[in-house]
PDB file of N, CA and C in Angstrom:
ATOM      1  N   MET A   1       7.427 -16.611   5.897  1.00  0.00           N
ATOM      2  CA  MET A   1       7.493 -15.423   6.724  1.00  0.00           C
ATOM      3  C   MET A   1       6.329 -14.497   6.372  1.00  0.00           C
ATOM      4  N   ALA A   2       5.750 -13.848   7.358  1.00  0.00           N
ATOM      5  CA  ALA A   2       4.572 -13.014   7.174  1.00  0.00           C
ATOM      6  C   ALA A   2       4.846 -11.842   6.240  1.00  0.00           C
ATOM      7  N   HIS A   3       6.077 -11.365   6.193  1.00  0.00           N
ATOM      8  CA  HIS A   3       6.347 -10.188   5.383  1.00  0.00           C
ATOM      9  C   HIS A   3       6.539 -10.517   3.912  1.00  0.00           C
ATOM     10  N   GLU A   4       6.546 -11.808   3.537  1.00  0.00           N
ATOM     11  CA  GLU A   4       6.552 -12.171   2.133  1.00  0.00           C
ATOM     12  C   GLU A   4       5.225 -11.774   1.508  1.00  0.00           C
ATOM     13  N   TYR A   5       4.182 -11.834   2.287  1.00  0.00           N
ATOM     14  CA  TYR A   5       2.850 -11.484   1.818  1.00  0.00           C
ATOM     15  C   TYR A   5       2.550 -10.051   2.228  1.00  0.00           C
ATOM     16  N   LYS A   6       2.127  -9.268   1.267  1.00  0.00           N
ATOM     17  CA  LYS A   6       1.806  -7.860   1.531  1.00  0.00           C
ATOM     18  C   LYS A   6       0.322  -7.634   1.239  1.00  0.00           C
ATOM     19  N   PRO A   7      -0.310  -6.745   2.010  1.00  0.00           N
ATOM     20  CA  PRO A   7      -1.720  -6.451   1.754  1.00  0.00           C
ATOM     21  C   PRO A   7      -1.901  -5.728   0.418  1.00  0.00           C
ATOM     22  N   LYS A   8      -2.913  -6.145  -0.336  1.00  0.00           N
ATOM     23  CA  LYS A   8      -3.213  -5.504  -1.620  1.00  0.00           C
ATOM     24  C   LYS A   8      -4.469  -4.659  -1.479  1.00  0.00           C
ATOM     25  N   ASN A   9      -4.420  -3.458  -2.035  1.00  0.00           N
ATOM     26  CA  ASN A   9      -5.559  -2.529  -2.052  1.00  0.00           C
ATOM     27  C   ASN A   9      -6.019  -2.113  -0.657  1.00  0.00           C
ATOM     28  N   ILE A  10      -5.117  -2.155   0.305  1.00  0.00           N
ATOM     29  CA  ILE A  10      -5.436  -1.747   1.671  1.00  0.00           C
ATOM     30  C   ILE A  10      -4.800  -0.376   1.871  1.00  0.00           C
ATOM     31  N   ARG A  11      -5.610   0.614   2.257  1.00  0.00           N
ATOM     32  CA  ARG A  11      -5.082   1.967   2.384  1.00  0.00           C
ATOM     33  C   ARG A  11      -4.998   2.450   3.820  1.00  0.00           C
ATOM     34  N   THR A  12      -5.758   1.858   4.737  1.00  0.00           N
ATOM     35  CA  THR A  12      -5.740   2.348   6.121  1.00  0.00           C
ATOM     36  C   THR A  12      -4.747   1.551   6.960  1.00  0.00           C
ATOM     37  N   LYS A  13      -4.121   2.248   7.895  1.00  0.00           N
ATOM     38  CA  LYS A  13      -3.140   1.609   8.777  1.00  0.00           C
ATOM     39  C   LYS A  13      -3.792   0.523   9.622  1.00  0.00           C
ATOM     40  N   ALA A  14      -4.999   0.782  10.110  1.00  0.00           N
ATOM     41  CA  ALA A  14      -5.685  -0.200  10.960  1.00  0.00           C
ATOM     42  C   ALA A  14      -5.933  -1.504  10.206  1.00  0.00           C
ATOM     43  N   ALA A  15      -6.344  -1.409   8.958  1.00  0.00           N
ATOM     44  CA  ALA A  15      -6.599  -2.615   8.160  1.00  0.00           C
ATOM     45  C   ALA A  15      -5.291  -3.347   7.856  1.00  0.00           C
ATOM     46  N   LYS A  16      -4.221  -2.595   7.609  1.00  0.00           N
ATOM     47  CA  LYS A  16      -2.914  -3.223   7.383  1.00  0.00           C
ATOM     48  C   LYS A  16      -2.440  -3.924   8.651  1.00  0.00           C
ATOM     49  N   ASP A  17      -2.660  -3.305   9.796  1.00  0.00           N
ATOM     50  CA  ASP A  17      -2.283  -3.934  11.065  1.00  0.00           C
ATOM     51  C   ASP A  17      -3.027  -5.251  11.262  1.00  0.00           C
ATOM     52  N   VAL A  18      -4.311  -5.273  10.921  1.00  0.00           N
ATOM     53  CA  VAL A  18      -5.105  -6.499  11.029  1.00  0.00           C
ATOM     54  C   VAL A  18      -4.526  -7.569  10.106  1.00  0.00           C
ATOM     55  N   PHE A  19      -4.170  -7.172   8.890  1.00  0.00           N
ATOM     56  CA  PHE A  19      -3.579  -8.114   7.932  1.00  0.00           C
ATOM     57  C   PHE A  19      -2.330  -8.765   8.517  1.00  0.00           C
ATOM     58  N   TYR A  20      -1.414  -7.927   9.027  1.00  0.00           N
ATOM     59  CA  TYR A  20      -0.152  -8.467   9.546  1.00  0.00           C
ATOM     60  C   TYR A  20      -0.362  -9.285  10.823  1.00  0.00           C
ATOM     61  N   THR A  21      -1.335  -8.920  11.629  1.00  0.00           N
ATOM     62  CA  THR A  21      -1.633  -9.699  12.835  1.00  0.00           C
ATOM     63  C   THR A  21      -2.128 -11.088  12.462  1.00  0.00           C
ATOM     64  N   LEU A  22      -3.053 -11.161  11.511  1.00  0.00           N
ATOM     65  CA  LEU A  22      -3.563 -12.469  11.069  1.00  0.00           C
ATOM     66  C   LEU A  22      -2.457 -13.285  10.403  1.00  0.00           C
ATOM     67  N   ALA A  23      -1.635 -12.625   9.600  1.00  0.00           N
ATOM     68  CA  ALA A  23      -0.538 -13.342   8.938  1.00  0.00           C
ATOM     69  C   ALA A  23       0.414 -13.935   9.974  1.00  0.00           C
ATOM     70  N   LYS A  24       0.698 -13.171  11.033  1.00  0.00           N
ATOM     71  CA  LYS A  24       1.577 -13.666  12.098  1.00  0.00           C
ATOM     72  C   LYS A  24       0.971 -14.872  12.814  1.00  0.00           C
ATOM     73  N   GLU A  25      -0.343 -14.785  13.095  1.00  0.00           N
ATOM     74  CA  GLU A  25      -1.019 -15.900  13.774  1.00  0.00           C
ATOM     75  C   GLU A  25      -0.994 -17.157  12.905  1.00  0.00           C
ATOM     76  N   LEU A  26      -1.228 -17.016  11.623  1.00  0.00           N
ATOM     77  CA  LEU A  26      -1.199 -18.179  10.726  1.00  0.00           C
ATOM     78  C   LEU A  26       0.217 -18.718  10.565  1.00  0.00           C
ATOM     79  N   GLU A  27       1.173 -17.838  10.585  1.00  0.00           N
ATOM     80  CA  GLU A  27       2.569 -18.260  10.470  1.00  0.00           C
ATOM     81  C   GLU A  27       2.977 -19.104  11.682  1.00  0.00           C
ATOM     82  N   LYS A  28       2.463 -18.742  12.866  1.00  0.00           N
ATOM     83  CA  LYS A  28       2.783 -19.487  14.091  1.00  0.00           C
ATOM     84  C   LYS A  28       2.380 -20.946  13.984  1.00  0.00           C
ATOM     85  N   VAL A  29       1.253 -21.203  13.317  1.00  0.00           N
ATOM     86  CA  VAL A  29       0.756 -22.581  13.200  1.00  0.00           C
ATOM     87  C   VAL A  29       1.070 -23.170  11.830  1.00  0.00           C
ATOM     88  N   ASN A  30       1.995 -22.499  11.113  1.00  0.00           N
ATOM     89  CA  ASN A  30       2.468 -22.976   9.816  1.00  0.00           C
ATOM     90  C   ASN A  30       1.325 -23.147   8.806  1.00  0.00           C
ATOM     91  N   LYS A  31       0.397 -22.190   8.787  1.00  0.00           N
ATOM     92  CA  LYS A  31      -0.727 -22.258   7.844  1.00  0.00           C
ATOM     93  C   LYS A  31      -0.812 -21.034   6.953  1.00  0.00           C
ATOM     94  N   LEU A  32       0.251 -20.264   6.867  1.00  0.00           N
ATOM     95  CA  LEU A  32       0.265 -19.100   5.983  1.00  0.00           C
ATOM     96  C   LEU A  32       0.714 -19.553   4.603  1.00  0.00           C
ATOM     97  N   ASN A  33      -0.196 -19.500   3.643  1.00  0.00           N
ATOM     98  CA  ASN A  33       0.102 -19.897   2.271  1.00  0.00           C
ATOM     99  C   ASN A  33      -0.726 -19.035   1.323  1.00  0.00           C
ATOM    100  N   ASP A  34      -0.673 -19.344   0.037  1.00  0.00           N
ATOM    101  CA  ASP A  34      -1.380 -18.524  -0.949  1.00  0.00           C
ATOM    102  C   ASP A  34      -2.889 -18.502  -0.714  1.00  0.00           C
ATOM    103  N   LYS A  35      -3.452 -19.621  -0.295  1.00  0.00           N
ATOM    104  CA  LYS A  35      -4.905 -19.687  -0.054  1.00  0.00           C
ATOM    105  C   LYS A  35      -5.305 -18.851   1.159  1.00  0.00           C
ATOM    106  N   THR A  36      -4.560 -18.997   2.247  1.00  0.00           N
ATOM    107  CA  THR A  36      -4.910 -18.234   3.444  1.00  0.00           C
ATOM    108  C   THR A  36      -4.569 -16.758   3.260  1.00  0.00           C
ATOM    109  N   TYR A  37      -3.584 -16.465   2.400  1.00  0.00           N
ATOM    110  CA  TYR A  37      -3.270 -15.069   2.102  1.00  0.00           C
ATOM    111  C   TYR A  37      -4.483 -14.362   1.519  1.00  0.00           C
ATOM    112  N   LEU A  38      -5.169 -15.001   0.580  1.00  0.00           N
ATOM    113  CA  LEU A  38      -6.360 -14.386  -0.023  1.00  0.00           C
ATOM    114  C   LEU A  38      -7.429 -14.114   1.026  1.00  0.00           C
ATOM    115  N   ILE A  39      -7.583 -15.034   1.959  1.00  0.00           N
ATOM    116  CA  ILE A  39      -8.600 -14.865   3.000  1.00  0.00           C
ATOM    117  C   ILE A  39      -8.240 -13.706   3.924  1.00  0.00           C
ATOM    118  N   ILE A  40      -6.977 -13.628   4.338  1.00  0.00           N
ATOM    119  CA  ILE A  40      -6.623 -12.533   5.253  1.00  0.00           C
ATOM    120  C   ILE A  40      -6.627 -11.186   4.538  1.00  0.00           C
ATOM    121  N   ASN A  41      -6.333 -11.181   3.236  1.00  0.00           N
ATOM    122  CA  ASN A  41      -6.422  -9.923   2.494  1.00  0.00           C
ATOM    123  C   ASN A  41      -7.890  -9.483   2.403  1.00  0.00           C
ATOM    124  N   ASN A  42      -8.791 -10.440   2.152  1.00  0.00           N
ATOM    125  CA  ASN A  42     -10.223 -10.120   2.134  1.00  0.00           C
ATOM    126  C   ASN A  42     -10.689  -9.628   3.502  1.00  0.00           C
ATOM    127  N   PHE A  43     -10.181 -10.244   4.560  1.00  0.00           N
ATOM    128  CA  PHE A  43     -10.541  -9.816   5.908  1.00  0.00           C
ATOM    129  C   PHE A  43     -10.104  -8.362   6.133  1.00  0.00           C
ATOM    130  N   ALA A  44      -8.895  -8.032   5.689  1.00  0.00           N
ATOM    131  CA  ALA A  44      -8.393  -6.669   5.856  1.00  0.00           C
ATOM    132  C   ALA A  44      -9.210  -5.681   5.022  1.00  0.00           C
ATOM    133  N   LEU A  45      -9.619  -6.078   3.824  1.00  0.00           N
ATOM    134  CA  LEU A  45     -10.478  -5.218   3.013  1.00  0.00           C
ATOM    135  C   LEU A  45     -11.817  -4.982   3.714  1.00  0.00           C
ATOM    136  N   LEU A  46     -12.370  -6.034   4.307  1.00  0.00           N
ATOM    137  CA  LEU A  46     -13.617  -5.885   5.063  1.00  0.00           C
ATOM    138  C   LEU A  46     -13.410  -4.961   6.262  1.00  0.00           C
ATOM    139  N   GLU A  47     -12.253  -5.040   6.893  1.00  0.00           N
ATOM    140  CA  GLU A  47     -11.949  -4.149   8.017  1.00  0.00           C
ATOM    141  C   GLU A  47     -11.934  -2.695   7.555  1.00  0.00           C
ATOM    142  N   GLN A  48     -11.348  -2.473   6.409  1.00  0.00           N
ATOM    143  CA  GLN A  48     -11.299  -1.119   5.849  1.00  0.00           C
ATOM    144  C   GLN A  48     -12.712  -0.608   5.553  1.00  0.00           C
ATOM    145  N   ILE A  49     -13.551  -1.458   4.966  1.00  0.00           N
ATOM    146  CA  ILE A  49     -14.941  -1.091   4.677  1.00  0.00           C
ATOM    147  C   ILE A  49     -15.688  -0.810   5.972  1.00  0.00           C
ATOM    148  N   LYS A  50     -15.476  -1.671   6.971  1.00  0.00           N
ATOM    149  CA  LYS A  50     -16.144  -1.490   8.267  1.00  0.00           C
ATOM    150  C   LYS A  50     -15.772  -0.153   8.891  1.00  0.00           C
ATOM    151  N   LEU A  51     -14.507   0.214   8.829  1.00  0.00           N
ATOM    152  CA  LEU A  51     -14.076   1.492   9.398  1.00  0.00           C
ATOM    153  C   LEU A  51     -14.692   2.676   8.656  1.00  0.00           C
ATOM    154  N   ASP A  52     -14.821   2.560   7.331  1.00  0.00           N
ATOM    155  CA  ASP A  52     -15.482   3.611   6.549  1.00  0.00           C
ATOM    156  C   ASP A  52     -16.955   3.737   6.952  1.00  0.00           C
ATOM    157  N   LEU A  53     -17.619   2.605   7.146  1.00  0.00           N
ATOM    158  CA  LEU A  53     -19.025   2.620   7.559  1.00  0.00           C
ATOM    159  C   LEU A  53     -19.184   3.231   8.955  1.00  0.00           C
ATOM    160  N   ILE A  54     -18.275   2.906   9.844  1.00  0.00           N
ATOM    161  CA  ILE A  54     -18.322   3.462  11.202  1.00  0.00           C
ATOM    162  C   ILE A  54     -18.123   4.978  11.159  1.00  0.00           C
ATOM    163  N   ASP A  55     -17.232   5.440  10.281  1.00  0.00           N
ATOM    164  CA  ASP A  55     -17.053   6.889  10.108  1.00  0.00           C
ATOM    165  C   ASP A  55     -18.348   7.536   9.628  1.00  0.00           C
ATOM    166  N   ASP A  56     -19.043   6.866   8.701  1.00  0.00           N
ATOM    167  CA  ASP A  56     -20.320   7.389   8.205  1.00  0.00           C
ATOM    168  C   ASP A  56     -21.353   7.471   9.332  1.00  0.00           C
ATOM    169  N   ILE A  57     -21.377   6.455  10.184  1.00  0.00           N
ATOM    170  CA  ILE A  57     -22.325   6.457  11.310  1.00  0.00           C
ATOM    171  C   ILE A  57     -21.990   7.596  12.265  1.00  0.00           C
ATOM    172  N   ARG A  58     -20.712   7.838  12.500  1.00  0.00           N
ATOM    173  CA  ARG A  58     -20.311   8.949  13.372  1.00  0.00           C
ATOM    174  C   ARG A  58     -20.755  10.302  12.794  1.00  0.00           C
ATOM    175  N   LYS A  59     -20.642  10.437  11.478  1.00  0.00           N
ATOM    176  CA  LYS A  59     -21.005  11.704  10.832  1.00  0.00           C
ATOM    177  C   LYS A  59     -22.523  11.908  10.786  1.00  0.00           C
ATOM    178  N   ARG A  60     -23.254  10.874  10.355  1.00  0.00           N
ATOM    179  CA  ARG A  60     -24.682  11.040  10.122  1.00  0.00           C
ATOM    180  C   ARG A  60     -25.557  10.523  11.249  1.00  0.00           C
ATOM    181  N   GLY A  61     -24.981   9.747  12.165  1.00  0.00           N
ATOM    182  CA  GLY A  61     -25.759   9.199  13.267  1.00  0.00           C
ATOM    183  C   GLY A  61     -26.405   7.869  12.906  1.00  0.00           C
ATOM    184  N   VAL A  62     -27.045   7.269  13.897  1.00  0.00           N
ATOM    185  CA  VAL A  62     -27.691   5.969  13.712  1.00  0.00           C
ATOM    186  C   VAL A  62     -28.985   6.127  12.914  1.00  0.00           C
ATOM    187  N   VAL A  63     -29.660   7.257  13.103  1.00  0.00           N
ATOM    188  CA  VAL A  63     -30.843   7.574  12.299  1.00  0.00           C
ATOM    189  C   VAL A  63     -30.571   8.882  11.566  1.00  0.00           C
ATOM    190  N   GLU A  64     -31.221   9.039  10.427  1.00  0.00           N
ATOM    191  CA  GLU A  64     -31.011  10.236   9.627  1.00  0.00           C
ATOM    192  C   GLU A  64     -32.340  10.795   9.156  1.00  0.00           C
ATOM    193  N   LEU A  65     -32.363  12.069   8.879  1.00  0.00           N
ATOM    194  CA  LEU A  65     -33.557  12.724   8.362  1.00  0.00           C
ATOM    195  C   LEU A  65     -33.684  12.380   6.891  1.00  0.00           C
ATOM    196  N   PHE A  66     -34.863  11.889   6.513  1.00  0.00           N
ATOM    197  CA  PHE A  66     -35.132  11.506   5.131  1.00  0.00           C
ATOM    198  C   PHE A  66     -36.252  12.381   4.603  1.00  0.00           C
ATOM    199  N   LYS A  67     -36.027  12.999   3.455  1.00  0.00           N
ATOM    200  CA  LYS A  67     -37.038  13.863   2.844  1.00  0.00           C
ATOM    201  C   LYS A  67     -37.479  13.262   1.522  1.00  0.00           C
ATOM    202  N   ASN A  68     -38.804  13.161   1.374  1.00  0.00           N
ATOM    203  CA  ASN A  68     -39.395  12.668   0.137  1.00  0.00           C
ATOM    204  C   ASN A  68     -40.474  13.668  -0.260  1.00  0.00           C
ATOM    205  N   GLY A  69     -40.081  14.632  -1.063  1.00  0.00           N
ATOM    206  CA  GLY A  69     -41.018  15.699  -1.410  1.00  0.00           C
ATOM    207  C   GLY A  69     -41.333  16.528  -0.180  1.00  0.00           C
ATOM    208  N   SER A  70     -42.620  16.590   0.166  1.00  0.00           N
ATOM    209  CA  SER A  70     -43.024  17.366   1.348  1.00  0.00           C
ATOM    210  C   SER A  70     -42.967  16.538   2.626  1.00  0.00           C
ATOM    211  N   GLN A  71     -42.751  15.228   2.488  1.00  0.00           N
ATOM    212  CA  GLN A  71     -42.673  14.363   3.670  1.00  0.00           C
ATOM    213  C   GLN A  71     -41.265  14.392   4.262  1.00  0.00           C
ATOM    214  N   GLU A  72     -41.211  14.440   5.565  1.00  0.00           N
ATOM    215  CA  GLU A  72     -39.946  14.330   6.279  1.00  0.00           C
ATOM    216  C   GLU A  72     -40.102  13.290   7.366  1.00  0.00           C
ATOM    217  N   MET A  73     -39.134  12.410   7.466  1.00  0.00           N
ATOM    218  CA  MET A  73     -39.190  11.379   8.503  1.00  0.00           C
ATOM    219  C   MET A  73     -37.778  10.941   8.864  1.00  0.00           C
ATOM    220  N   MET A  74     -37.674  10.300   9.990  1.00  0.00           N
ATOM    221  CA  MET A  74     -36.386   9.750  10.412  1.00  0.00           C
ATOM    222  C   MET A  74     -36.340   8.290   9.971  1.00  0.00           C
ATOM    223  N   ARG A  75     -35.199   7.866   9.481  1.00  0.00           N
ATOM    224  CA  ARG A  75     -35.025   6.461   9.111  1.00  0.00           C
ATOM    225  C   ARG A  75     -33.653   5.997   9.577  1.00  0.00           C
ATOM    226  N   ASP A  76     -33.526   4.688   9.668  1.00  0.00           N
ATOM    227  CA  ASP A  76     -32.254   4.110  10.100  1.00  0.00           C
ATOM    228  C   ASP A  76     -31.178   4.393   9.061  1.00  0.00           C
ATOM    229  N   ASN A  77     -29.988   4.663   9.548  1.00  0.00           N
ATOM    230  CA  ASN A  77     -28.833   4.801   8.675  1.00  0.00           C
ATOM    231  C   ASN A  77     -28.471   3.394   8.201  1.00  0.00           C
ATOM    232  N   LYS A  78     -28.453   3.196   6.890  1.00  0.00           N
ATOM    233  CA  LYS A  78     -28.196   1.863   6.332  1.00  0.00           C
ATOM    234  C   LYS A  78     -26.788   1.360   6.640  1.00  0.00           C
ATOM    235  N   SER A  79     -25.901   2.256   7.016  1.00  0.00           N
ATOM    236  CA  SER A  79     -24.534   1.851   7.358  1.00  0.00           C
ATOM    237  C   SER A  79     -24.510   0.956   8.595  1.00  0.00           C
ATOM    238  N   VAL A  80     -25.503   1.111   9.486  1.00  0.00           N
ATOM    239  CA  VAL A  80     -25.541   0.288  10.707  1.00  0.00           C
ATOM    240  C   VAL A  80     -25.712  -1.184  10.332  1.00  0.00           C
ATOM    241  N   ASP A  81     -26.662  -1.487   9.464  1.00  0.00           N
ATOM    242  CA  ASP A  81     -26.856  -2.875   9.019  1.00  0.00           C
ATOM    243  C   ASP A  81     -25.646  -3.389   8.259  1.00  0.00           C
ATOM    244  N   LYS A  82     -25.052  -2.530   7.454  1.00  0.00           N
ATOM    245  CA  LYS A  82     -23.880  -2.945   6.683  1.00  0.00           C
ATOM    246  C   LYS A  82     -22.710  -3.269   7.599  1.00  0.00           C
ATOM    247  N   VAL A  83     -22.546  -2.512   8.678  1.00  0.00           N
ATOM    248  CA  VAL A  83     -21.478  -2.804   9.640  1.00  0.00           C
ATOM    249  C   VAL A  83     -21.712  -4.180  10.259  1.00  0.00           C
ATOM    250  N   MET A  84     -22.951  -4.443  10.658  1.00  0.00           N
ATOM    251  CA  MET A  84     -23.257  -5.737  11.275  1.00  0.00           C
ATOM    252  C   MET A  84     -22.999  -6.885  10.292  1.00  0.00           C
ATOM    253  N   ASN A  85     -23.375  -6.706   9.029  1.00  0.00           N
ATOM    254  CA  ASN A  85     -23.118  -7.736   8.011  1.00  0.00           C
ATOM    255  C   ASN A  85     -21.624  -7.917   7.775  1.00  0.00           C
ATOM    256  N   THR A  86     -20.891  -6.833   7.785  1.00  0.00           N
ATOM    257  CA  THR A  86     -19.439  -6.904   7.583  1.00  0.00           C
ATOM    258  C   THR A  86     -18.775  -7.653   8.728  1.00  0.00           C
ATOM    259  N   ILE A  87     -19.207  -7.379   9.952  1.00  0.00           N
ATOM    260  CA  ILE A  87     -18.660  -8.082  11.120  1.00  0.00           C
ATOM    261  C   ILE A  87     -18.942  -9.576  11.014  1.00  0.00           C
ATOM    262  N   GLU A  88     -20.142  -9.938  10.582  1.00  0.00           N
ATOM    263  CA  GLU A  88     -20.494 -11.355  10.430  1.00  0.00           C
ATOM    264  C   GLU A  88     -19.626 -12.011   9.355  1.00  0.00           C
ATOM    265  N   ARG A  89     -19.390 -11.320   8.259  1.00  0.00           N
ATOM    266  CA  ARG A  89     -18.532 -11.875   7.211  1.00  0.00           C
ATOM    267  C   ARG A  89     -17.103 -12.045   7.711  1.00  0.00           C
ATOM    268  N   GLN A  90     -16.630 -11.103   8.509  1.00  0.00           N
ATOM    269  CA  GLN A  90     -15.288 -11.233   9.085  1.00  0.00           C
ATOM    270  C   GLN A  90     -15.230 -12.438  10.027  1.00  0.00           C
ATOM    271  N   ARG A  91     -16.274 -12.635  10.813  1.00  0.00           N
ATOM    272  CA  ARG A  91     -16.311 -13.766  11.735  1.00  0.00           C
ATOM    273  C   ARG A  91     -16.242 -15.081  10.967  1.00  0.00           C
ATOM    274  N   ARG A  92     -16.964 -15.154   9.846  1.00  0.00           N
ATOM    275  CA  ARG A  92     -16.931 -16.374   9.027  1.00  0.00           C
ATOM    276  C   ARG A  92     -15.537 -16.635   8.461  1.00  0.00           C
ATOM    277  N   LEU A  93     -14.854 -15.565   8.047  1.00  0.00           N
ATOM    278  CA  LEU A  93     -13.494 -15.744   7.528  1.00  0.00           C
ATOM    279  C   LEU A  93     -12.547 -16.218   8.626  1.00  0.00           C
ATOM    280  N   LEU A  94     -12.689 -15.663   9.832  1.00  0.00           N
ATOM    281  CA  LEU A  94     -11.861 -16.127  10.951  1.00  0.00           C
ATOM    282  C   LEU A  94     -12.147 -17.591  11.272  1.00  0.00           C
ATOM    283  N   ALA A  95     -13.416 -17.971  11.203  1.00  0.00           N
ATOM    284  CA  ALA A  95     -13.773 -19.369  11.461  1.00  0.00           C
ATOM    285  C   ALA A  95     -13.154 -20.281  10.398  1.00  0.00           C
ATOM    286  N   GLU A  96     -13.151 -19.824   9.162  1.00  0.00           N
ATOM    287  CA  GLU A  96     -12.549 -20.606   8.089  1.00  0.00           C
ATOM    288  C   GLU A  96     -11.051 -20.785   8.309  1.00  0.00           C
ATOM    289  N   LEU A  97     -10.427 -19.777   8.881  1.00  0.00           N
ATOM    290  CA  LEU A  97      -8.995 -19.852   9.192  1.00  0.00           C
ATOM    291  C   LEU A  97      -8.733 -20.566  10.516  1.00  0.00           C
ATOM    292  N   ARG A  98      -9.798 -20.916  11.215  1.00  0.00           N
ATOM    293  CA  ARG A  98      -9.736 -21.544  12.541  1.00  0.00           C
ATOM    294  C   ARG A  98      -9.010 -20.647  13.545  1.00  0.00           C
ATOM    295  N   LEU A  99      -9.378 -19.369  13.533  1.00  0.00           N
ATOM    296  CA  LEU A  99      -8.769 -18.399  14.446  1.00  0.00           C
ATOM    297  C   LEU A  99      -9.789 -17.813  15.418  1.00  0.00           C
ATOM    298  N   THR A 100     -10.866 -18.538  15.661  1.00  0.00           N
ATOM    299  CA  THR A 100     -11.855 -18.071  16.633  1.00  0.00           C
ATOM    300  C   THR A 100     -11.724 -18.904  17.904  1.00  0.00           C
ATOM    301  N   PRO A 101     -12.151 -18.372  19.039  1.00  0.00           N
ATOM    302  CA  PRO A 101     -12.130 -19.164  20.274  1.00  0.00           C
ATOM    303  C   PRO A 101     -12.925 -20.472  20.137  1.00  0.00           C
ATOM    304  N   ALA A 102     -14.028 -20.441  19.402  1.00  0.00           N
ATOM    305  CA  ALA A 102     -14.820 -21.662  19.198  1.00  0.00           C
ATOM    306  C   ALA A 102     -14.033 -22.700  18.407  1.00  0.00           C
ATOM    307  N   SER A 103     -13.241 -22.263  17.462  1.00  0.00           N
ATOM    308  CA  SER A 103     -12.414 -23.183  16.684  1.00  0.00           C
ATOM    309  C   SER A 103     -11.400 -23.883  17.574  1.00  0.00           C
ATOM    310  N   GLU A 104     -10.824 -23.138  18.513  1.00  0.00           N
ATOM    311  CA  GLU A 104      -9.855 -23.728  19.436  1.00  0.00           C
ATOM    312  C   GLU A 104     -10.523 -24.769  20.322  1.00  0.00           C
ATOM    313  N   ARG A 105     -11.738 -24.464  20.808  1.00  0.00           N
ATOM    314  CA  ARG A 105     -12.457 -25.428  21.647  1.00  0.00           C
ATOM    315  C   ARG A 105     -12.765 -26.690  20.863  1.00  0.00           C
ATOM    316  N   GLU A 106     -13.144 -26.530  19.612  1.00  0.00           N
ATOM    317  CA  GLU A 106     -13.476 -27.680  18.777  1.00  0.00           C
ATOM    318  C   GLU A 106     -12.268 -28.583  18.619  1.00  0.00           C
ATOM    319  N   ILE A 107     -11.106 -28.013  18.369  1.00  0.00           N
ATOM    320  CA  ILE A 107      -9.884 -28.799  18.198  1.00  0.00           C
ATOM    321  C   ILE A 107      -9.510 -29.473  19.508  1.00  0.00           C
ATOM    322  N   VAL A 108      -9.567 -28.733  20.622  1.00  0.00           N
ATOM    323  CA  VAL A 108      -9.247 -29.298  21.927  1.00  0.00           C
ATOM    324  C   VAL A 108     -10.228 -30.414  22.255  1.00  0.00           C
ATOM    325  N   GLY A 109     -11.503 -30.203  21.968  1.00  0.00           N
ATOM    326  CA  GLY A 109     -12.523 -31.222  22.228  1.00  0.00           C
ATOM    327  C   GLY A 109     -12.267 -32.489  21.436  1.00  0.00           C
ATOM    328  N   MET A 110     -11.821 -32.341  20.182  1.00  0.00           N
ATOM    329  CA  MET A 110     -11.541 -33.515  19.360  1.00  0.00           C
ATOM    330  C   MET A 110     -10.356 -34.284  19.929  1.00  0.00           C
ATOM    331  N   VAL A 111      -9.330 -33.596  20.357  1.00  0.00           N
ATOM    332  CA  VAL A 111      -8.156 -34.255  20.928  1.00  0.00           C
ATOM    333  C   VAL A 111      -8.536 -34.958  22.223  1.00  0.00           C
ATOM    334  N   ALA A 112      -9.318 -34.296  23.063  1.00  0.00           N
ATOM    335  CA  ALA A 112      -9.722 -34.898  24.329  1.00  0.00           C
ATOM    336  C   ALA A 112     -10.570 -36.138  24.098  1.00  0.00           C
ATOM    337  N   SER A 113     -11.481 -36.091  23.123  1.00  0.00           N
ATOM    338  CA  SER A 113     -12.340 -37.252  22.896  1.00  0.00           C
ATOM    339  C   SER A 113     -11.539 -38.431  22.356  1.00  0.00           C
ATOM    340  N   VAL A 114     -10.510 -38.182  21.559  1.00  0.00           N
ATOM    341  CA  VAL A 114      -9.660 -39.257  21.056  1.00  0.00           C
ATOM    342  C   VAL A 114      -8.886 -39.877  22.210  1.00  0.00           C
ATOM    343  N   GLU A 115      -8.347 -39.038  23.097  1.00  0.00           N
ATOM    344  CA  GLU A 115      -7.597 -39.555  24.235  1.00  0.00           C
ATOM    345  C   GLU A 115      -8.504 -40.356  25.156  1.00  0.00           C
ATOM    346  N   GLU A 116      -9.732 -39.890  25.364  1.00  0.00           N
ATOM    347  CA  GLU A 116     -10.670 -40.621  26.214  1.00  0.00           C
ATOM    348  C   GLU A 116     -11.004 -41.971  25.618  1.00  0.00           C
ATOM    349  N   SER A 117     -11.201 -42.026  24.298  1.00  0.00           N
ATOM    350  CA  SER A 117     -11.546 -43.307  23.684  1.00  0.00           C
ATOM    351  C   SER A 117     -10.375 -44.279  23.769  1.00  0.00           C
ATOM    352  N   ASP A 118      -9.149 -43.767  23.694  1.00  0.00           N
ATOM    353  CA  ASP A 118      -7.981 -44.633  23.839  1.00  0.00           C
ATOM    354  C   ASP A 118      -7.942 -45.247  25.241  1.00  0.00           C
ATOM    355  N   GLU A 119      -8.230 -44.445  26.258  1.00  0.00           N
ATOM    356  CA  GLU A 119      -8.266 -44.947  27.635  1.00  0.00           C
ATOM    357  C   GLU A 119      -9.353 -46.020  27.778  1.00  0.00           C
ATOM    358  N   PHE A 120     -10.477 -45.791  27.175  1.00  0.00           N
ATOM    359  CA  PHE A 120     -11.600 -46.721  27.279  1.00  0.00           C
ATOM    360  C   PHE A 120     -11.248 -48.052  26.632  1.00  0.00           C
ATOM    361  N   GLU A 121     -10.553 -48.022  25.512  1.00  0.00           N
ATOM    362  CA  GLU A 121     -10.192 -49.260  24.796  1.00  0.00           C
ATOM    363  C   GLU A 121      -9.174 -50.092  25.577  1.00  0.00           C
ATOM    364  N   LYS A 122      -8.396 -49.469  26.460  1.00  0.00           N
ATOM    365  CA  LYS A 122      -7.411 -50.215  27.227  1.00  0.00           C
ATOM    366  C   LYS A 122      -8.067 -51.164  28.211  1.00  0.00           C
ATOM    367  N   TYR A 123      -9.270 -50.808  28.674  1.00  0.00           N
ATOM    368  CA  TYR A 123      -9.937 -51.659  29.669  1.00  0.00           C
ATOM    369  C   TYR A 123     -10.689 -52.706  28.963  1.00  0.00           C
TER     370      TYR A 123
END
């Protein structure tokens, strides 16, 4: 049951919701276990980090004023790159759990190719 596993070190409601959503999806396909628990907890932690980074972008903007002595210039807010990296890491974790649309196509494609080869062997 999904509620046997609880999120660790997750403080935001949104990240906890993501944890329970992933746990429910894995439970449906009977793949919720200690190994997948660690992955979904990491995913929820990444969600929490991503939300913090997005808050920083909202506060400081996509570019920020940078002062170096008498020089002043605009530079990219480093949180933007970190958000993109965090999203990519989350995507990789979902792929590892086989919870991406591409993962579903891959499984369906494998089943279809096996069925096609069976039909071919009959002739």
